[in-house]
């Protein structure tokens, strides 16, 4: 889920496990807010690829709960991708950020 109001990317517990992450090896504690505030979370960095875009490193608050969906928020999804929302069409478009090399 794309969430422009979310400060962080959030990953549910079972997805982290499916990616091969080990809870006990993640040592950075992250405080979640809102309805996820009581849920313990730890920092997890993964390399992700969307469509045919170049792979990017994404940082997640890995929640020790299966309740939250995958949330893509300001840190760092919206720092790596440009997203245009077309409200009247109920659509959006994702593009890799412009890299001036």
N, C-alpha and C. Protein backbone atom coordinates (compact mmCIF):
# COMPACT_ATOMS: atom_id res chain seq x y z
N UNK A 1 0.84 -1.16 0.00
CA UNK A 1 0.00 0.00 0.00
C UNK A 1 0.89 1.24 0.00
N UNK A 2 0.66 2.16 -0.92
CA UNK A 2 1.35 3.45 -0.92
C UNK A 2 0.65 4.35 0.08
N UNK A 3 1.41 4.94 0.99
CA UNK A 3 0.82 5.80 2.02
C UNK A 3 1.66 7.06 2.16
N UNK A 4 1.19 8.15 1.55
CA UNK A 4 1.95 9.40 1.61
C UNK A 4 2.02 9.97 3.01
N UNK A 5 1.13 9.54 3.90
CA UNK A 5 1.14 10.02 5.28
C UNK A 5 2.00 9.19 6.20
N UNK A 6 2.49 8.06 5.73
CA UNK A 6 3.32 7.19 6.57
C UNK A 6 4.76 7.68 6.53
N UNK A 7 5.37 7.79 7.69
CA UNK A 7 6.77 8.21 7.76
C UNK A 7 7.70 7.11 7.29
N UNK A 8 7.35 5.87 7.57
CA UNK A 8 8.24 4.73 7.33
C UNK A 8 7.59 3.70 6.42
N UNK A 9 8.43 2.88 5.81
CA UNK A 9 7.96 1.66 5.17
C UNK A 9 7.75 0.63 6.28
N UNK A 10 6.70 -0.16 6.19
CA UNK A 10 6.42 -1.18 7.20
C UNK A 10 6.27 -2.53 6.50
N UNK A 11 6.87 -3.54 7.10
CA UNK A 11 6.83 -4.90 6.56
C UNK A 11 6.23 -5.83 7.61
N UNK A 12 5.18 -6.60 7.27
CA UNK A 12 4.64 -7.55 8.24
C UNK A 12 5.64 -8.68 8.51
N UNK A 13 5.49 -9.30 9.66
CA UNK A 13 6.43 -10.31 10.14
C UNK A 13 6.61 -11.46 9.14
N UNK A 14 5.51 -12.02 8.64
CA UNK A 14 5.62 -13.19 7.76
C UNK A 14 6.34 -12.86 6.45
N UNK A 15 6.24 -11.63 5.98
CA UNK A 15 6.93 -11.27 4.74
C UNK A 15 8.44 -11.20 4.98
N UNK A 16 8.84 -10.64 6.12
CA UNK A 16 10.26 -10.62 6.47
C UNK A 16 10.84 -12.02 6.55
N UNK A 17 10.09 -12.93 7.17
CA UNK A 17 10.54 -14.32 7.26
C UNK A 17 10.67 -14.94 5.87
N UNK A 18 9.69 -14.67 5.00
CA UNK A 18 9.72 -15.21 3.64
C UNK A 18 10.92 -14.69 2.85
N UNK A 19 11.39 -13.49 3.20
CA UNK A 19 12.57 -12.92 2.54
C UNK A 19 13.87 -13.45 3.13
N UNK A 20 13.75 -14.29 4.17
CA UNK A 20 14.94 -14.89 4.76
C UNK A 20 15.50 -14.14 5.95
N UNK A 21 14.81 -13.11 6.42
CA UNK A 21 15.29 -12.34 7.57
C UNK A 21 15.10 -13.13 8.86
N UNK A 22 16.01 -12.91 9.80
CA UNK A 22 15.95 -13.55 11.11
C UNK A 22 15.74 -12.45 12.15
N UNK A 23 14.63 -12.52 12.87
CA UNK A 23 14.26 -11.48 13.83
C UNK A 23 15.39 -11.16 14.80
N UNK A 24 15.99 -12.18 15.37
CA UNK A 24 17.02 -11.98 16.39
C UNK A 24 18.28 -11.31 15.85
N UNK A 25 18.49 -11.33 14.55
CA UNK A 25 19.67 -10.70 13.95
C UNK A 25 19.47 -9.21 13.68
N UNK A 26 18.25 -8.75 13.78
CA UNK A 26 17.96 -7.33 13.54
C UNK A 26 18.00 -6.61 14.89
N UNK A 27 18.94 -5.70 15.06
CA UNK A 27 19.18 -5.11 16.39
C UNK A 27 18.66 -3.69 16.54
N UNK A 28 18.27 -3.04 15.44
CA UNK A 28 17.79 -1.66 15.52
C UNK A 28 16.30 -1.65 15.83
N UNK A 29 15.93 -1.17 17.02
CA UNK A 29 14.53 -1.06 17.42
C UNK A 29 13.92 0.18 16.79
N UNK A 30 12.70 0.05 16.30
CA UNK A 30 12.00 1.18 15.68
C UNK A 30 10.64 1.33 16.35
N UNK A 31 10.32 2.56 16.75
CA UNK A 31 9.01 2.84 17.36
C UNK A 31 8.01 3.16 16.26
N UNK A 32 6.92 2.43 16.25
CA UNK A 32 5.85 2.70 15.30
C UNK A 32 4.83 3.63 15.94
N UNK A 33 3.98 4.24 15.14
CA UNK A 33 3.00 5.20 15.65
C UNK A 33 1.59 4.75 15.27
N UNK A 34 0.62 5.49 15.75
CA UNK A 34 -0.77 5.22 15.42
C UNK A 34 -1.24 3.88 15.95
N UNK A 35 -2.05 3.18 15.17
CA UNK A 35 -2.58 1.89 15.63
C UNK A 35 -1.51 0.81 15.69
N UNK A 36 -0.32 1.07 15.14
CA UNK A 36 0.79 0.11 15.22
C UNK A 36 1.73 0.40 16.39
N UNK A 37 1.44 1.44 17.18
CA UNK A 37 2.33 1.83 18.29
C UNK A 37 2.65 0.69 19.25
N UNK A 38 1.71 -0.20 19.59
CA UNK A 38 2.06 -1.27 20.53
C UNK A 38 2.90 -2.40 19.92
N UNK A 39 3.08 -2.39 18.61
CA UNK A 39 3.77 -3.48 17.93
C UNK A 39 5.28 -3.25 17.94
N UNK A 40 6.04 -4.26 18.34
CA UNK A 40 7.50 -4.18 18.30
C UNK A 40 7.94 -4.22 16.84
N UNK A 41 8.93 -3.41 16.51
CA UNK A 41 9.46 -3.39 15.14
C UNK A 41 10.97 -3.22 15.17
N UNK A 42 11.61 -3.77 14.16
CA UNK A 42 13.06 -3.67 14.02
C UNK A 42 13.40 -3.26 12.60
N UNK A 43 14.52 -2.58 12.45
CA UNK A 43 14.95 -2.13 11.14
C UNK A 43 15.40 -3.28 10.27
N UNK A 44 15.01 -3.24 9.01
CA UNK A 44 15.40 -4.27 8.05
C UNK A 44 15.62 -3.59 6.70
N UNK A 45 16.79 -3.78 6.12
CA UNK A 45 17.08 -3.24 4.79
C UNK A 45 17.05 -4.37 3.78
N UNK A 46 16.37 -4.14 2.68
CA UNK A 46 16.29 -5.13 1.60
C UNK A 46 16.53 -4.43 0.26
N UNK A 47 16.98 -5.18 -0.71
CA UNK A 47 17.09 -4.65 -2.06
C UNK A 47 15.83 -5.09 -2.80
N UNK A 48 15.10 -4.12 -3.32
CA UNK A 48 13.85 -4.43 -3.99
C UNK A 48 13.86 -3.94 -5.43
N UNK A 49 13.06 -4.60 -6.24
CA UNK A 49 12.93 -4.19 -7.64
C UNK A 49 11.46 -4.13 -7.99
N UNK A 50 11.07 -3.02 -8.59
CA UNK A 50 9.71 -2.83 -9.03
C UNK A 50 9.72 -2.80 -10.55
N UNK A 51 8.92 -3.67 -11.14
CA UNK A 51 8.81 -3.76 -12.60
C UNK A 51 10.20 -3.92 -13.21
N UNK A 52 10.49 -3.16 -14.23
CA UNK A 52 11.80 -3.26 -14.88
C UNK A 52 12.73 -2.13 -14.45
N UNK A 53 12.41 -1.46 -13.33
CA UNK A 53 13.25 -0.39 -12.81
C UNK A 53 14.50 -0.99 -12.18
N UNK A 54 15.57 -0.21 -12.08
CA UNK A 54 16.77 -0.71 -11.41
C UNK A 54 16.48 -1.04 -9.94
N UNK A 55 17.14 -2.05 -9.39
CA UNK A 55 16.94 -2.40 -7.97
C UNK A 55 17.35 -1.24 -7.07
N UNK A 56 16.64 -1.08 -5.95
CA UNK A 56 16.96 -0.05 -4.96
C UNK A 56 16.97 -0.67 -3.56
N UNK A 57 17.71 -0.05 -2.67
CA UNK A 57 17.75 -0.49 -1.28
C UNK A 57 16.60 0.21 -0.55
N UNK A 58 15.76 -0.59 0.07
CA UNK A 58 14.62 -0.05 0.82
C UNK A 58 14.76 -0.40 2.29
N UNK A 59 14.46 0.56 3.14
CA UNK A 59 14.52 0.36 4.59
C UNK A 59 13.09 0.17 5.10
N UNK A 60 12.91 -0.85 5.95
CA UNK A 60 11.58 -1.15 6.50
C UNK A 60 11.62 -1.19 8.02
N UNK A 61 10.50 -0.84 8.62
CA UNK A 61 10.25 -1.18 10.01
C UNK A 61 9.57 -2.54 9.94
N UNK A 62 10.30 -3.58 10.32
CA UNK A 62 9.78 -4.95 10.25
C UNK A 62 8.99 -5.21 11.52
N UNK A 63 7.67 -5.28 11.38
CA UNK A 63 6.78 -5.43 12.52
C UNK A 63 6.71 -6.89 12.96
N UNK A 64 6.70 -7.09 14.27
CA UNK A 64 6.55 -8.46 14.78
C UNK A 64 5.06 -8.76 14.90
N UNK A 65 4.37 -8.58 13.80
CA UNK A 65 2.93 -8.82 13.70
C UNK A 65 2.62 -9.05 12.23
N UNK A 66 1.66 -9.92 11.98
CA UNK A 66 1.22 -10.16 10.61
C UNK A 66 0.05 -9.27 10.22
N UNK A 67 -0.41 -8.43 11.16
CA UNK A 67 -1.58 -7.60 10.91
C UNK A 67 -1.37 -6.47 9.90
N UNK A 68 -0.26 -5.72 9.98
CA UNK A 68 -0.16 -4.60 9.03
C UNK A 68 0.10 -5.10 7.61
N UNK A 69 -0.40 -4.35 6.62
CA UNK A 69 -0.04 -4.67 5.24
C UNK A 69 1.37 -4.14 4.98
N UNK A 70 1.92 -4.45 3.82
CA UNK A 70 3.16 -3.79 3.42
C UNK A 70 2.80 -2.33 3.15
N UNK A 71 3.49 -1.44 3.86
CA UNK A 71 3.24 -0.01 3.70
C UNK A 71 4.49 0.63 3.11
N UNK A 72 4.31 1.34 2.02
CA UNK A 72 5.41 2.06 1.39
C UNK A 72 5.21 3.54 1.68
N UNK A 73 6.11 4.11 2.49
CA UNK A 73 5.95 5.49 2.96
C UNK A 73 7.09 6.41 2.58
N UNK A 74 7.16 7.54 3.30
CA UNK A 74 8.13 8.59 2.98
C UNK A 74 9.57 8.11 3.06
N UNK A 75 9.91 7.37 4.12
CA UNK A 75 11.28 6.84 4.30
C UNK A 75 11.26 5.38 3.92
N UNK A 76 11.73 4.90 2.96
CA UNK A 76 12.42 5.66 1.95
C UNK A 76 11.85 5.44 0.55
N UNK A 77 10.65 4.87 0.47
CA UNK A 77 10.06 4.60 -0.85
C UNK A 77 9.92 5.87 -1.66
N UNK A 78 9.33 6.91 -1.05
CA UNK A 78 9.09 8.15 -1.79
C UNK A 78 10.38 8.94 -2.01
N UNK A 79 11.48 8.50 -1.41
CA UNK A 79 12.78 9.11 -1.68
C UNK A 79 13.47 8.42 -2.86
N UNK A 80 13.03 7.23 -3.19
CA UNK A 80 13.63 6.45 -4.28
C UNK A 80 12.79 6.45 -5.55
N UNK A 81 11.51 6.76 -5.43
CA UNK A 81 10.62 6.73 -6.59
C UNK A 81 9.80 8.01 -6.66
N UNK A 82 9.51 8.45 -7.87
CA UNK A 82 8.57 9.54 -8.09
C UNK A 82 7.20 8.91 -8.32
N UNK A 83 6.22 9.41 -7.59
CA UNK A 83 4.87 8.86 -7.69
C UNK A 83 3.92 9.99 -8.05
N UNK A 84 3.15 9.81 -9.11
CA UNK A 84 2.14 10.78 -9.52
C UNK A 84 0.76 10.17 -9.31
N UNK A 85 -0.08 10.89 -8.57
CA UNK A 85 -1.44 10.43 -8.31
C UNK A 85 -2.40 11.16 -9.24
N UNK A 86 -3.30 10.39 -9.85
CA UNK A 86 -4.33 10.93 -10.73
C UNK A 86 -5.67 10.66 -10.06
N UNK A 87 -6.02 11.53 -9.14
CA UNK A 87 -7.20 11.33 -8.29
C UNK A 87 -8.47 11.12 -9.11
N UNK A 88 -8.68 11.95 -10.13
CA UNK A 88 -9.93 11.85 -10.90
C UNK A 88 -10.05 10.53 -11.64
N UNK A 89 -8.90 9.88 -11.89
CA UNK A 89 -8.90 8.61 -12.60
C UNK A 89 -8.73 7.42 -11.66
N UNK A 90 -8.59 7.70 -10.35
CA UNK A 90 -8.35 6.66 -9.35
C UNK A 90 -7.14 5.81 -9.74
N UNK A 91 -6.07 6.50 -10.14
CA UNK A 91 -4.87 5.81 -10.60
C UNK A 91 -3.63 6.53 -10.09
N UNK A 92 -2.50 5.84 -10.19
CA UNK A 92 -1.22 6.46 -9.88
C UNK A 92 -0.16 5.85 -10.78
N UNK A 93 0.97 6.55 -10.88
CA UNK A 93 2.08 6.11 -11.71
C UNK A 93 3.36 6.19 -10.88
N UNK A 94 4.19 5.15 -10.97
CA UNK A 94 5.45 5.09 -10.24
C UNK A 94 6.59 5.10 -11.25
N UNK A 95 7.57 5.97 -11.03
CA UNK A 95 8.77 6.04 -11.87
C UNK A 95 10.00 6.09 -10.97
N UNK A 96 11.12 5.54 -11.42
CA UNK A 96 12.34 5.68 -10.62
C UNK A 96 12.73 7.15 -10.55
N UNK A 97 13.33 7.54 -9.42
CA UNK A 97 13.73 8.95 -9.30
C UNK A 97 14.78 9.28 -10.35
N UNK A 98 14.80 10.54 -10.73
CA UNK A 98 15.77 11.00 -11.72
C UNK A 98 17.15 10.99 -11.09
N UNK A 99 18.08 10.34 -11.74
CA UNK A 99 19.47 10.28 -11.26
C UNK A 99 20.34 11.00 -12.28
N UNK A 100 20.94 12.09 -11.86
CA UNK A 100 21.82 12.87 -12.73
C UNK A 100 23.24 12.36 -12.57
N UNK A 101 23.67 11.49 -13.48
CA UNK A 101 25.02 10.91 -13.39
C UNK A 101 25.92 11.55 -14.41
